[in-house]
Amino acid sequence: ILYTAVANRDYDNIKGYLQASYDA
């Protein structure tokens, strides 16, 4: 819950990192 809420709150800043991990 904590991780998902943080990612949701900060999505504009971290979306690139999430995509990079997924692609890798």
mmCIF file of all heavy atoms, coordinates in Angstrom:
data_MODEL
# 
_entry.id   MODEL 
# 
loop_
_atom_site.group_PDB 
_atom_site.id 
_atom_site.type_symbol 
_atom_site.label_atom_id 
_atom_site.label_alt_id 
_atom_site.label_comp_id 
_atom_site.label_asym_id 
_atom_site.label_entity_id 
_atom_site.label_seq_id 
_atom_site.pdbx_PDB_ins_code 
_atom_site.Cartn_x 
_atom_site.Cartn_y 
_atom_site.Cartn_z 
_atom_site.occupancy 
_atom_site.B_iso_or_equiv 
_atom_site.pdbx_formal_charge 
_atom_site.auth_seq_id 
_atom_site.auth_comp_id 
_atom_site.auth_asym_id 
_atom_site.auth_atom_id 
_atom_site.pdbx_PDB_model_num 
ATOM 1   N N   . ILE A 1 1  ? 0.841  -1.205 0.000   1.00 0.00 ? 1  ILE A N   1 
ATOM 2   C CA  . ILE A 1 1  ? 0.000  0.000  0.000   1.00 0.00 ? 1  ILE A CA  1 
ATOM 3   C C   . ILE A 1 1  ? 0.874  1.252  0.000   1.00 0.00 ? 1  ILE A C   1 
ATOM 4   O O   . ILE A 1 1  ? 0.635  2.196  -0.762  1.00 0.00 ? 1  ILE A O   1 
ATOM 5   C CB  . ILE A 1 1  ? -0.936 0.007  1.225   1.00 0.00 ? 1  ILE A CB  1 
ATOM 6   C CG1 . ILE A 1 1  ? -1.927 -1.152 1.152   1.00 0.00 ? 1  ILE A CG1 1 
ATOM 7   C CG2 . ILE A 1 1  ? -1.709 1.333  1.302   1.00 0.00 ? 1  ILE A CG2 1 
ATOM 8   C CD1 . ILE A 1 1  ? -2.687 -1.389 2.447   1.00 0.00 ? 1  ILE A CD1 1 
ATOM 9   N N   . LEU A 1 2  ? 1.897  1.247  0.838   1.00 0.00 ? 2  LEU A N   1 
ATOM 10  C CA  . LEU A 1 2  ? 2.776  2.408  0.956   1.00 0.00 ? 2  LEU A CA  1 
ATOM 11  C C   . LEU A 1 2  ? 3.501  2.676  -0.369  1.00 0.00 ? 2  LEU A C   1 
ATOM 12  O O   . LEU A 1 2  ? 3.545  3.824  -0.845  1.00 0.00 ? 2  LEU A O   1 
ATOM 13  C CB  . LEU A 1 2  ? 3.787  2.178  2.080   1.00 0.00 ? 2  LEU A CB  1 
ATOM 14  C CG  . LEU A 1 2  ? 4.643  3.373  2.497   1.00 0.00 ? 2  LEU A CG  1 
ATOM 15  C CD1 . LEU A 1 2  ? 3.772  4.523  3.002   1.00 0.00 ? 2  LEU A CD1 1 
ATOM 16  C CD2 . LEU A 1 2  ? 5.635  2.949  3.583   1.00 0.00 ? 2  LEU A CD2 1 
ATOM 17  N N   . TYR A 1 3  ? 4.054  1.640  -0.956  1.00 0.00 ? 3  TYR A N   1 
ATOM 18  C CA  . TYR A 1 3  ? 4.771  1.799  -2.228  1.00 0.00 ? 3  TYR A CA  1 
ATOM 19  C C   . TYR A 1 3  ? 3.836  2.309  -3.328  1.00 0.00 ? 3  TYR A C   1 
ATOM 20  O O   . TYR A 1 3  ? 4.181  3.239  -4.069  1.00 0.00 ? 3  TYR A O   1 
ATOM 21  C CB  . TYR A 1 3  ? 5.381  0.463  -2.642  1.00 0.00 ? 3  TYR A CB  1 
ATOM 22  C CG  . TYR A 1 3  ? 5.737  0.394  -4.108  1.00 0.00 ? 3  TYR A CG  1 
ATOM 23  C CD1 . TYR A 1 3  ? 6.850  1.076  -4.610  1.00 0.00 ? 3  TYR A CD1 1 
ATOM 24  C CD2 . TYR A 1 3  ? 4.950  -0.344 -4.998  1.00 0.00 ? 3  TYR A CD2 1 
ATOM 25  C CE1 . TYR A 1 3  ? 7.165  1.023  -5.958  1.00 0.00 ? 3  TYR A CE1 1 
ATOM 26  C CE2 . TYR A 1 3  ? 5.266  -0.400 -6.341  1.00 0.00 ? 3  TYR A CE2 1 
ATOM 27  C CZ  . TYR A 1 3  ? 6.368  0.288  -6.817  1.00 0.00 ? 3  TYR A CZ  1 
ATOM 28  O OH  . TYR A 1 3  ? 6.668  0.242  -8.152  1.00 0.00 ? 3  TYR A OH  1 
ATOM 29  N N   . THR A 1 4  ? 2.667  1.708  -3.444  1.00 0.00 ? 4  THR A N   1 
ATOM 30  C CA  . THR A 1 4  ? 1.725  2.111  -4.491  1.00 0.00 ? 4  THR A CA  1 
ATOM 31  C C   . THR A 1 4  ? 1.263  3.543  -4.295  1.00 0.00 ? 4  THR A C   1 
ATOM 32  O O   . THR A 1 4  ? 1.143  4.317  -5.257  1.00 0.00 ? 4  THR A O   1 
ATOM 33  C CB  . THR A 1 4  ? 0.510  1.162  -4.515  1.00 0.00 ? 4  THR A CB  1 
ATOM 34  O OG1 . THR A 1 4  ? 0.962  -0.193 -4.656  1.00 0.00 ? 4  THR A OG1 1 
ATOM 35  C CG2 . THR A 1 4  ? -0.421 1.497  -5.674  1.00 0.00 ? 4  THR A CG2 1 
ATOM 36  N N   . ALA A 1 5  ? 1.030  3.931  -3.047  1.00 0.00 ? 5  ALA A N   1 
ATOM 37  C CA  . ALA A 1 5  ? 0.595  5.300  -2.759  1.00 0.00 ? 5  ALA A CA  1 
ATOM 38  C C   . ALA A 1 5  ? 1.694  6.306  -3.078  1.00 0.00 ? 5  ALA A C   1 
ATOM 39  O O   . ALA A 1 5  ? 1.430  7.394  -3.602  1.00 0.00 ? 5  ALA A O   1 
ATOM 40  C CB  . ALA A 1 5  ? 0.181  5.421  -1.290  1.00 0.00 ? 5  ALA A CB  1 
ATOM 41  N N   . VAL A 1 6  ? 2.952  5.953  -2.779  1.00 0.00 ? 6  VAL A N   1 
ATOM 42  C CA  . VAL A 1 6  ? 4.076  6.829  -3.093  1.00 0.00 ? 6  VAL A CA  1 
ATOM 43  C C   . VAL A 1 6  ? 4.232  6.978  -4.604  1.00 0.00 ? 6  VAL A C   1 
ATOM 44  O O   . VAL A 1 6  ? 4.397  8.089  -5.122  1.00 0.00 ? 6  VAL A O   1 
ATOM 45  C CB  . VAL A 1 6  ? 5.380  6.284  -2.469  1.00 0.00 ? 6  VAL A CB  1 
ATOM 46  C CG1 . VAL A 1 6  ? 6.599  6.987  -3.047  1.00 0.00 ? 6  VAL A CG1 1 
ATOM 47  C CG2 . VAL A 1 6  ? 5.353  6.455  -0.953  1.00 0.00 ? 6  VAL A CG2 1 
ATOM 48  N N   . ALA A 1 7  ? 4.164  5.857  -5.323  1.00 0.00 ? 7  ALA A N   1 
ATOM 49  C CA  . ALA A 1 7  ? 4.294  5.906  -6.778  1.00 0.00 ? 7  ALA A CA  1 
ATOM 50  C C   . ALA A 1 7  ? 3.159  6.715  -7.402  1.00 0.00 ? 7  ALA A C   1 
ATOM 51  O O   . ALA A 1 7  ? 3.377  7.469  -8.361  1.00 0.00 ? 7  ALA A O   1 
ATOM 52  C CB  . ALA A 1 7  ? 4.309  4.486  -7.336  1.00 0.00 ? 7  ALA A CB  1 
ATOM 53  N N   . ASN A 1 8  ? 1.979  6.578  -6.864  1.00 0.00 ? 8  ASN A N   1 
ATOM 54  C CA  . ASN A 1 8  ? 0.827  7.336  -7.357  1.00 0.00 ? 8  ASN A CA  1 
ATOM 55  C C   . ASN A 1 8  ? 1.013  8.829  -7.130  1.00 0.00 ? 8  ASN A C   1 
ATOM 56  O O   . ASN A 1 8  ? 0.774  9.653  -8.027  1.00 0.00 ? 8  ASN A O   1 
ATOM 57  C CB  . ASN A 1 8  ? -0.442 6.844  -6.671  1.00 0.00 ? 8  ASN A CB  1 
ATOM 58  C CG  . ASN A 1 8  ? -1.658 7.668  -7.025  1.00 0.00 ? 8  ASN A CG  1 
ATOM 59  O OD1 . ASN A 1 8  ? -1.987 8.629  -6.320  1.00 0.00 ? 8  ASN A OD1 1 
ATOM 60  N ND2 . ASN A 1 8  ? -2.335 7.322  -8.099  1.00 0.00 ? 8  ASN A ND2 1 
ATOM 61  N N   . ARG A 1 9  ? 1.460  9.206  -5.921  1.00 0.00 ? 9  ARG A N   1 
ATOM 62  C CA  . ARG A 1 9  ? 1.651  10.608 -5.572  1.00 0.00 ? 9  ARG A CA  1 
ATOM 63  C C   . ARG A 1 9  ? 2.757  11.252 -6.418  1.00 0.00 ? 9  ARG A C   1 
ATOM 64  O O   . ARG A 1 9  ? 2.646  12.412 -6.827  1.00 0.00 ? 9  ARG A O   1 
ATOM 65  C CB  . ARG A 1 9  ? 2.005  10.715 -4.092  1.00 0.00 ? 9  ARG A CB  1 
ATOM 66  C CG  . ARG A 1 9  ? 2.306  12.125 -3.589  1.00 0.00 ? 9  ARG A CG  1 
ATOM 67  C CD  . ARG A 1 9  ? 1.060  12.914 -3.297  1.00 0.00 ? 9  ARG A CD  1 
ATOM 68  N NE  . ARG A 1 9  ? 0.279  12.268 -2.248  1.00 0.00 ? 9  ARG A NE  1 
ATOM 69  C CZ  . ARG A 1 9  ? 0.493  12.426 -0.937  1.00 0.00 ? 9  ARG A CZ  1 
ATOM 70  N NH1 . ARG A 1 9  ? 1.447  13.244 -0.520  1.00 0.00 ? 9  ARG A NH1 1 
ATOM 71  N NH2 . ARG A 1 9  ? -0.272 11.796 -0.053  1.00 0.00 ? 9  ARG A NH2 1 
ATOM 72  N N   . ASP A 1 10 ? 3.816  10.496 -6.678  1.00 0.00 ? 10 ASP A N   1 
ATOM 73  C CA  . ASP A 1 10 ? 4.996  11.048 -7.339  1.00 0.00 ? 10 ASP A CA  1 
ATOM 74  C C   . ASP A 1 10 ? 5.112  10.574 -8.796  1.00 0.00 ? 10 ASP A C   1 
ATOM 75  O O   . ASP A 1 10 ? 6.204  10.566 -9.366  1.00 0.00 ? 10 ASP A O   1 
ATOM 76  C CB  . ASP A 1 10 ? 6.252  10.625 -6.556  1.00 0.00 ? 10 ASP A CB  1 
ATOM 77  C CG  . ASP A 1 10 ? 7.443  11.537 -6.795  1.00 0.00 ? 10 ASP A CG  1 
ATOM 78  O OD1 . ASP A 1 10 ? 7.233  12.704 -7.174  1.00 0.00 ? 10 ASP A OD1 1 
ATOM 79  O OD2 . ASP A 1 10 ? 8.572  11.072 -6.589  1.00 0.00 ? 10 ASP A OD2 1 
ATOM 80  N N   . TYR A 1 11 ? 3.985  10.208 -9.385  1.00 0.00 ? 11 TYR A N   1 
ATOM 81  C CA  . TYR A 1 11 ? 4.008  9.515  -10.675 1.00 0.00 ? 11 TYR A CA  1 
ATOM 82  C C   . TYR A 1 11 ? 4.709  10.302 -11.779 1.00 0.00 ? 11 TYR A C   1 
ATOM 83  O O   . TYR A 1 11 ? 5.472  9.739  -12.571 1.00 0.00 ? 11 TYR A O   1 
ATOM 84  C CB  . TYR A 1 11 ? 2.586  9.167  -11.115 1.00 0.00 ? 11 TYR A CB  1 
ATOM 85  C CG  . TYR A 1 11 ? 2.563  8.331  -12.379 1.00 0.00 ? 11 TYR A CG  1 
ATOM 86  C CD1 . TYR A 1 11 ? 2.969  6.995  -12.353 1.00 0.00 ? 11 TYR A CD1 1 
ATOM 87  C CD2 . TYR A 1 11 ? 2.173  8.882  -13.601 1.00 0.00 ? 11 TYR A CD2 1 
ATOM 88  C CE1 . TYR A 1 11 ? 2.978  6.226  -13.502 1.00 0.00 ? 11 TYR A CE1 1 
ATOM 89  C CE2 . TYR A 1 11 ? 2.183  8.120  -14.760 1.00 0.00 ? 11 TYR A CE2 1 
ATOM 90  C CZ  . TYR A 1 11 ? 2.589  6.789  -14.704 1.00 0.00 ? 11 TYR A CZ  1 
ATOM 91  O OH  . TYR A 1 11 ? 2.605  6.036  -15.849 1.00 0.00 ? 11 TYR A OH  1 
ATOM 92  N N   . ASP A 1 12 ? 4.477  11.599 -11.857 1.00 0.00 ? 12 ASP A N   1 
ATOM 93  C CA  . ASP A 1 12 ? 5.092  12.399 -12.914 1.00 0.00 ? 12 ASP A CA  1 
ATOM 94  C C   . ASP A 1 12 ? 6.615  12.335 -12.864 1.00 0.00 ? 12 ASP A C   1 
ATOM 95  O O   . ASP A 1 12 ? 7.282  12.406 -13.907 1.00 0.00 ? 12 ASP A O   1 
ATOM 96  C CB  . ASP A 1 12 ? 4.639  13.863 -12.822 1.00 0.00 ? 12 ASP A CB  1 
ATOM 97  C CG  . ASP A 1 12 ? 3.193  14.051 -13.250 1.00 0.00 ? 12 ASP A CG  1 
ATOM 98  O OD1 . ASP A 1 12 ? 2.659  13.128 -13.920 1.00 0.00 ? 12 ASP A OD1 1 
ATOM 99  O OD2 . ASP A 1 12 ? 2.601  15.086 -12.912 1.00 0.00 ? 12 ASP A OD2 1 
ATOM 100 N N   . ASN A 1 13 ? 7.163  12.188 -11.663 1.00 0.00 ? 13 ASN A N   1 
ATOM 101 C CA  . ASN A 1 13 ? 8.617  12.147 -11.512 1.00 0.00 ? 13 ASN A CA  1 
ATOM 102 C C   . ASN A 1 13 ? 9.210  10.755 -11.679 1.00 0.00 ? 13 ASN A C   1 
ATOM 103 O O   . ASN A 1 13 ? 10.387 10.620 -12.038 1.00 0.00 ? 13 ASN A O   1 
ATOM 104 C CB  . ASN A 1 13 ? 9.024  12.705 -10.144 1.00 0.00 ? 13 ASN A CB  1 
ATOM 105 C CG  . ASN A 1 13 ? 8.751  14.186 -10.018 1.00 0.00 ? 13 ASN A CG  1 
ATOM 106 O OD1 . ASN A 1 13 ? 8.988  14.957 -10.944 1.00 0.00 ? 13 ASN A OD1 1 
ATOM 107 N ND2 . ASN A 1 13 ? 8.253  14.594 -8.859  1.00 0.00 ? 13 ASN A ND2 1 
ATOM 108 N N   . ILE A 1 14 ? 8.411  9.709  -11.393 1.00 0.00 ? 14 ILE A N   1 
ATOM 109 C CA  . ILE A 1 14 ? 8.985  8.365  -11.386 1.00 0.00 ? 14 ILE A CA  1 
ATOM 110 C C   . ILE A 1 14 ? 8.517  7.488  -12.541 1.00 0.00 ? 14 ILE A C   1 
ATOM 111 O O   . ILE A 1 14 ? 8.997  6.361  -12.704 1.00 0.00 ? 14 ILE A O   1 
ATOM 112 C CB  . ILE A 1 14 ? 8.686  7.653  -10.041 1.00 0.00 ? 14 ILE A CB  1 
ATOM 113 C CG1 . ILE A 1 14 ? 7.179  7.574  -9.756  1.00 0.00 ? 14 ILE A CG1 1 
ATOM 114 C CG2 . ILE A 1 14 ? 9.393  8.373  -8.904  1.00 0.00 ? 14 ILE A CG2 1 
ATOM 115 C CD1 . ILE A 1 14 ? 6.449  6.392  -10.320 1.00 0.00 ? 14 ILE A CD1 1 
ATOM 116 N N   . LYS A 1 15 ? 7.613  7.973  -13.374 1.00 0.00 ? 15 LYS A N   1 
ATOM 117 C CA  . LYS A 1 15 ? 7.063  7.108  -14.427 1.00 0.00 ? 15 LYS A CA  1 
ATOM 118 C C   . LYS A 1 15 ? 8.139  6.624  -15.396 1.00 0.00 ? 15 LYS A C   1 
ATOM 119 O O   . LYS A 1 15 ? 8.081  5.498  -15.898 1.00 0.00 ? 15 LYS A O   1 
ATOM 120 C CB  . LYS A 1 15 ? 5.943  7.821  -15.181 1.00 0.00 ? 15 LYS A CB  1 
ATOM 121 C CG  . LYS A 1 15 ? 6.332  9.118  -15.863 1.00 0.00 ? 15 LYS A CG  1 
ATOM 122 C CD  . LYS A 1 15 ? 5.107  9.781  -16.485 1.00 0.00 ? 15 LYS A CD  1 
ATOM 123 C CE  . LYS A 1 15 ? 5.462  11.122 -17.132 1.00 0.00 ? 15 LYS A CE  1 
ATOM 124 N NZ  . LYS A 1 15 ? 4.258  11.785 -17.703 1.00 0.00 ? 15 LYS A NZ  1 
ATOM 125 N N   . GLY A 1 16 ? 9.147  7.467  -15.644 1.00 0.00 ? 16 GLY A N   1 
ATOM 126 C CA  . GLY A 1 16 ? 10.234 7.050  -16.521 1.00 0.00 ? 16 GLY A CA  1 
ATOM 127 C C   . GLY A 1 16 ? 11.036 5.898  -15.942 1.00 0.00 ? 16 GLY A C   1 
ATOM 128 O O   . GLY A 1 16 ? 11.458 4.992  -16.676 1.00 0.00 ? 16 GLY A O   1 
ATOM 129 N N   . TYR A 1 17 ? 11.258 5.913  -14.636 1.00 0.00 ? 17 TYR A N   1 
ATOM 130 C CA  . TYR A 1 17 ? 12.004 4.845  -13.982 1.00 0.00 ? 17 TYR A CA  1 
ATOM 131 C C   . TYR A 1 17 ? 11.203 3.539  -13.985 1.00 0.00 ? 17 TYR A C   1 
ATOM 132 O O   . TYR A 1 17 ? 11.775 2.455  -14.176 1.00 0.00 ? 17 TYR A O   1 
ATOM 133 C CB  . TYR A 1 17 ? 12.346 5.235  -12.545 1.00 0.00 ? 17 TYR A CB  1 
ATOM 134 C CG  . TYR A 1 17 ? 13.202 6.481  -12.456 1.00 0.00 ? 17 TYR A CG  1 
ATOM 135 C CD1 . TYR A 1 17 ? 12.739 7.621  -11.821 1.00 0.00 ? 17 TYR A CD1 1 
ATOM 136 C CD2 . TYR A 1 17 ? 14.476 6.511  -13.018 1.00 0.00 ? 17 TYR A CD2 1 
ATOM 137 C CE1 . TYR A 1 17 ? 13.515 8.772  -11.740 1.00 0.00 ? 17 TYR A CE1 1 
ATOM 138 C CE2 . TYR A 1 17 ? 15.270 7.647  -12.945 1.00 0.00 ? 17 TYR A CE2 1 
ATOM 139 C CZ  . TYR A 1 17 ? 14.780 8.780  -12.306 1.00 0.00 ? 17 TYR A CZ  1 
ATOM 140 O OH  . TYR A 1 17 ? 15.548 9.905  -12.228 1.00 0.00 ? 17 TYR A OH  1 
ATOM 141 N N   . LEU A 1 18 ? 9.908  3.638  -13.787 1.00 0.00 ? 18 LEU A N   1 
ATOM 142 C CA  . LEU A 1 18 ? 9.072  2.441  -13.847 1.00 0.00 ? 18 LEU A CA  1 
ATOM 143 C C   . LEU A 1 18 ? 9.116  1.823  -15.245 1.00 0.00 ? 18 LEU A C   1 
ATOM 144 O O   . LEU A 1 18 ? 9.220  0.598  -15.395 1.00 0.00 ? 18 LEU A O   1 
ATOM 145 C CB  . LEU A 1 18 ? 7.621  2.795  -13.489 1.00 0.00 ? 18 LEU A CB  1 
ATOM 146 C CG  . LEU A 1 18 ? 7.299  3.061  -12.029 1.00 0.00 ? 18 LEU A CG  1 
ATOM 147 C CD1 . LEU A 1 18 ? 5.831  3.456  -11.880 1.00 0.00 ? 18 LEU A CD1 1 
ATOM 148 C CD2 . LEU A 1 18 ? 7.581  1.834  -11.173 1.00 0.00 ? 18 LEU A CD2 1 
ATOM 149 N N   . GLN A 1 19 ? 9.036  2.658  -16.258 1.00 0.00 ? 19 GLN A N   1 
ATOM 150 C CA  . GLN A 1 19 ? 9.081  2.166  -17.631 1.00 0.00 ? 19 GLN A CA  1 
ATOM 151 C C   . GLN A 1 19 ? 10.434 1.543  -17.944 1.00 0.00 ? 19 GLN A C   1 
ATOM 152 O O   . GLN A 1 19 ? 10.524 0.496  -18.604 1.00 0.00 ? 19 GLN A O   1 
ATOM 153 C CB  . GLN A 1 19 ? 8.791  3.319  -18.606 1.00 0.00 ? 19 GLN A CB  1 
ATOM 154 C CG  . GLN A 1 19 ? 8.657  2.876  -20.064 1.00 0.00 ? 19 GLN A CG  1 
ATOM 155 C CD  . GLN A 1 19 ? 7.470  1.962  -20.274 1.00 0.00 ? 19 GLN A CD  1 
ATOM 156 O OE1 . GLN A 1 19 ? 6.363  2.250  -19.816 1.00 0.00 ? 19 GLN A OE1 1 
ATOM 157 N NE2 . GLN A 1 19 ? 7.692  0.842  -20.978 1.00 0.00 ? 19 GLN A NE2 1 
ATOM 158 N N   . ALA A 1 20 ? 11.502 2.180  -17.447 1.00 0.00 ? 20 ALA A N   1 
ATOM 159 C CA  . ALA A 1 20 ? 12.847 1.654  -17.693 1.00 0.00 ? 20 ALA A CA  1 
ATOM 160 C C   . ALA A 1 20 ? 13.028 0.273  -17.073 1.00 0.00 ? 20 ALA A C   1 
ATOM 161 O O   . ALA A 1 20 ? 13.608 -0.641 -17.696 1.00 0.00 ? 20 ALA A O   1 
ATOM 162 C CB  . ALA A 1 20 ? 13.892 2.621  -17.139 1.00 0.00 ? 20 ALA A CB  1 
ATOM 163 N N   . SER A 1 21 ? 12.522 0.088  -15.857 1.00 0.00 ? 21 SER A N   1 
ATOM 164 C CA  . SER A 1 21 ? 12.608 -1.217 -15.198 1.00 0.00 ? 21 SER A CA  1 
ATOM 165 C C   . SER A 1 21 ? 11.814 -2.259 -15.965 1.00 0.00 ? 21 SER A C   1 
ATOM 166 O O   . SER A 1 21 ? 12.272 -3.392 -16.182 1.00 0.00 ? 21 SER A O   1 
ATOM 167 C CB  . SER A 1 21 ? 12.093 -1.126 -13.758 1.00 0.00 ? 21 SER A CB  1 
ATOM 168 O OG  . SER A 1 21 ? 12.920 -0.315 -12.970 1.00 0.00 ? 21 SER A OG  1 
ATOM 169 N N   . TYR A 1 22 ? 10.625 -1.868 -16.383 1.00 0.00 ? 22 TYR A N   1 
ATOM 170 C CA  . TYR A 1 22 ? 9.766  -2.790 -17.139 1.00 0.00 ? 22 TYR A CA  1 
ATOM 171 C C   . TYR A 1 22 ? 10.446 -3.207 -18.443 1.00 0.00 ? 22 TYR A C   1 
ATOM 172 O O   . TYR A 1 22 ? 10.493 -4.392 -18.788 1.00 0.00 ? 22 TYR A O   1 
ATOM 173 C CB  . TYR A 1 22 ? 8.429  -2.106 -17.431 1.00 0.00 ? 22 TYR A CB  1 
ATOM 174 C CG  . TYR A 1 22 ? 7.530  -2.935 -18.344 1.00 0.00 ? 22 TYR A CG  1 
ATOM 175 C CD1 . TYR A 1 22 ? 6.795  -3.994 -17.842 1.00 0.00 ? 22 TYR A CD1 1 
ATOM 176 C CD2 . TYR A 1 22 ? 7.438  -2.623 -19.707 1.00 0.00 ? 22 TYR A CD2 1 
ATOM 177 C CE1 . TYR A 1 22 ? 5.983  -4.756 -18.677 1.00 0.00 ? 22 TYR A CE1 1 
ATOM 178 C CE2 . TYR A 1 22 ? 6.625  -3.373 -20.540 1.00 0.00 ? 22 TYR A CE2 1 
ATOM 179 C CZ  . TYR A 1 22 ? 5.906  -4.438 -20.027 1.00 0.00 ? 22 TYR A CZ  1 
ATOM 180 O OH  . TYR A 1 22 ? 5.114  -5.177 -20.866 1.00 0.00 ? 22 TYR A OH  1 
ATOM 181 N N   . ASP A 1 23 ? 10.995 -2.234 -19.159 1.00 0.00 ? 23 ASP A N   1 
ATOM 182 C CA  . ASP A 1 23 ? 11.640 -2.521 -20.436 1.00 0.00 ? 23 ASP A CA  1 
ATOM 183 C C   . ASP A 1 23 ? 12.860 -3.427 -20.249 1.00 0.00 ? 23 ASP A C   1 
ATOM 184 O O   . ASP A 1 23 ? 13.108 -4.328 -21.068 1.00 0.00 ? 23 ASP A O   1 
ATOM 185 C CB  . ASP A 1 23 ? 12.058 -1.222 -21.130 1.00 0.00 ? 23 ASP A CB  1 
ATOM 186 C CG  . ASP A 1 23 ? 10.867 -0.399 -21.588 1.00 0.00 ? 23 ASP A CG  1 
ATOM 187 O OD1 . ASP A 1 23 ? 9.761  -0.965 -21.708 1.00 0.00 ? 23 ASP A OD1 1 
ATOM 188 O OD2 . ASP A 1 23 ? 11.041 0.811  -21.820 1.00 0.00 ? 23 ASP A OD2 1 
ATOM 189 N N   . ALA A 1 24 ? 13.635 -3.163 -19.192 1.00 0.00 ? 24 ALA A N   1 
ATOM 190 C CA  . ALA A 1 24 ? 14.851 -3.943 -18.954 1.00 0.00 ? 24 ALA A CA  1 
ATOM 191 C C   . ALA A 1 24 ? 14.529 -5.423 -18.714 1.00 0.00 ? 24 ALA A C   1 
ATOM 192 O O   . ALA A 1 24 ? 15.182 -6.312 -19.267 1.00 0.00 ? 24 ALA A O   1 
ATOM 193 C CB  . ALA A 1 24 ? 15.616 -3.374 -17.772 1.00 0.00 ? 24 ALA A CB  1 
# 
